[in-house]
Amino acid sequence: MILTARKSTYLFLAFFLTFCLSSCAQDGVQKNILTAADQTNLYLKKLQGKRIAVVANQTSVIQRKEKGDFDKLSLTEKSSIYIHLVDSLLSLNIDIKKVFAPEHGFRGKADAGEVVKNGVDTKTNLPIISLYGKNKKPNKEQLKGIDLIVFDIQDVGARFYTYISTLHYVMEAAAESRIPVIVLDRPNPNGHYIDGPILEKEHKSFVGMHPVPAVYGMTIGEYAKMINGEKWLKNGVKAKLSVIPLKNYTHQSEYSLPIKPSPNLPNDVSINLYPSLCFFEGTNVSAGRGTNMQFQIYGSPFLNHKSKFSYTPVPNDGAKYPKHAHMICYGEDLRNHTKLNTINLDWLIKSYKQNSTKNFFNAFFTKLAGTKKLQKQIEEKVSLKEIKASWKEGLEKFQKVRKQYLIYN
């Protein structure tokens, strides 16, 4: 009897442990992250009966069926998995009056820095108003008759990626016109770390508007809360802001973007390397624009010609006029590099030392860095360790500010 009882106890414990492990797996790795847009039940009622303006691009999608093995699907099958937010809301009889489009346009096809023009969406006949060009902030006439603004754009967590600047101006215009803003939150694929120099206010530009590090470790919804809370909007105005949260997300969550957020960030590797390689945009080194390896390689005609790796940029989608077009660039292939959880300056410093011309940096570098200090440190051959140490105080102060606005662990 005792042996039978013990056996039963052991069987129960084994079953219980199996159940617990299974539950943990389901609660951890196996749970899918749901974007705010995917959770229509959380925001649909807020939109009903109102005249809506949507700030959106090609990433503003809702998943309507399971992805399965996404990489093996045809283009037609991939497109059928998602429906654009605008199309979804129209099908649900939400009264969308217009769409505001950021850099790269509503369909995400314009080059970096290319002026995006106003137009009409051929699929929905909705007016598309560009927020990239002379008009970076919606004006009062454009917001006339709008009751609510919905913002849904995928960010990648780098200060110089301009979607957060568009967010700033949308919130500012909304606050001045007393129009509420709903931000539909999306994961930050670089949300697992914080690093880089803090932007100094004298170097504020559209590629850096706020005193934050180059990599800030926040979702776009959390960032919107910080813009409001820190009173960074003009004259200290505050937007009437609501953030619809993600489900099953933490800042350490692995998240693969289903749609490339801009023409020159084609995959997860490029998105992870972007905060480190984007500094090359302010130098005479190419970061791979004009190839199909954008932000996964770097090179220049002025680097070491004995390099084992070289490429020749040519005009293509997303880079009509790539740096060093039709010239052989010598450099490095980073496509198999391990995932970064810090900004890597090794490649930048190495390129500066190898560069055969005196014109390595251009004026854009200071805008990207947010400070003149980084260029000076590299030119004066300050060690990487010392450069990183000079960021420490600013990063510690930022983390205290950031903590107030976090929605996720």
Foldseek 3Di string as FASTA:
>chain_A
DVVVVVVVVVVVVVVVVVVVVVVVCCLAPVDDKAFLLQPCVVCVVVQPPFEEEEEAAQLQWYFDDDCPPVVPDDPVVLVVRIDHSVVVSVVVVGNYQAYEYEPCGRHQFAAVLDADCWDADPVPRHTYHYLGDPRVADAPVNCPRGQEYEYEAFDQQFLQPQPLLSVLRDQLRCLVVVHAYEYGWDAHQLLLAAAAAFADCVLADSRHHHRGGRGHNAISLLVLVLCQVVQSHPPSGHHNYHYRGMPSDASPDHDWRSQQRHPQQHTSQLSQQVSQLVLQVQFLKFQDAQHNCHSQWIFHPQFDPVAPDKDAHAADGNPNPGRRHRHITGTDGRNPPDGDNYHDCPRVLNRVVRGPDPGTGHPVSCSSNSHPVVVVCSVVVPDPVVVRVVRVVSNVVSVVSSVVRHPHD
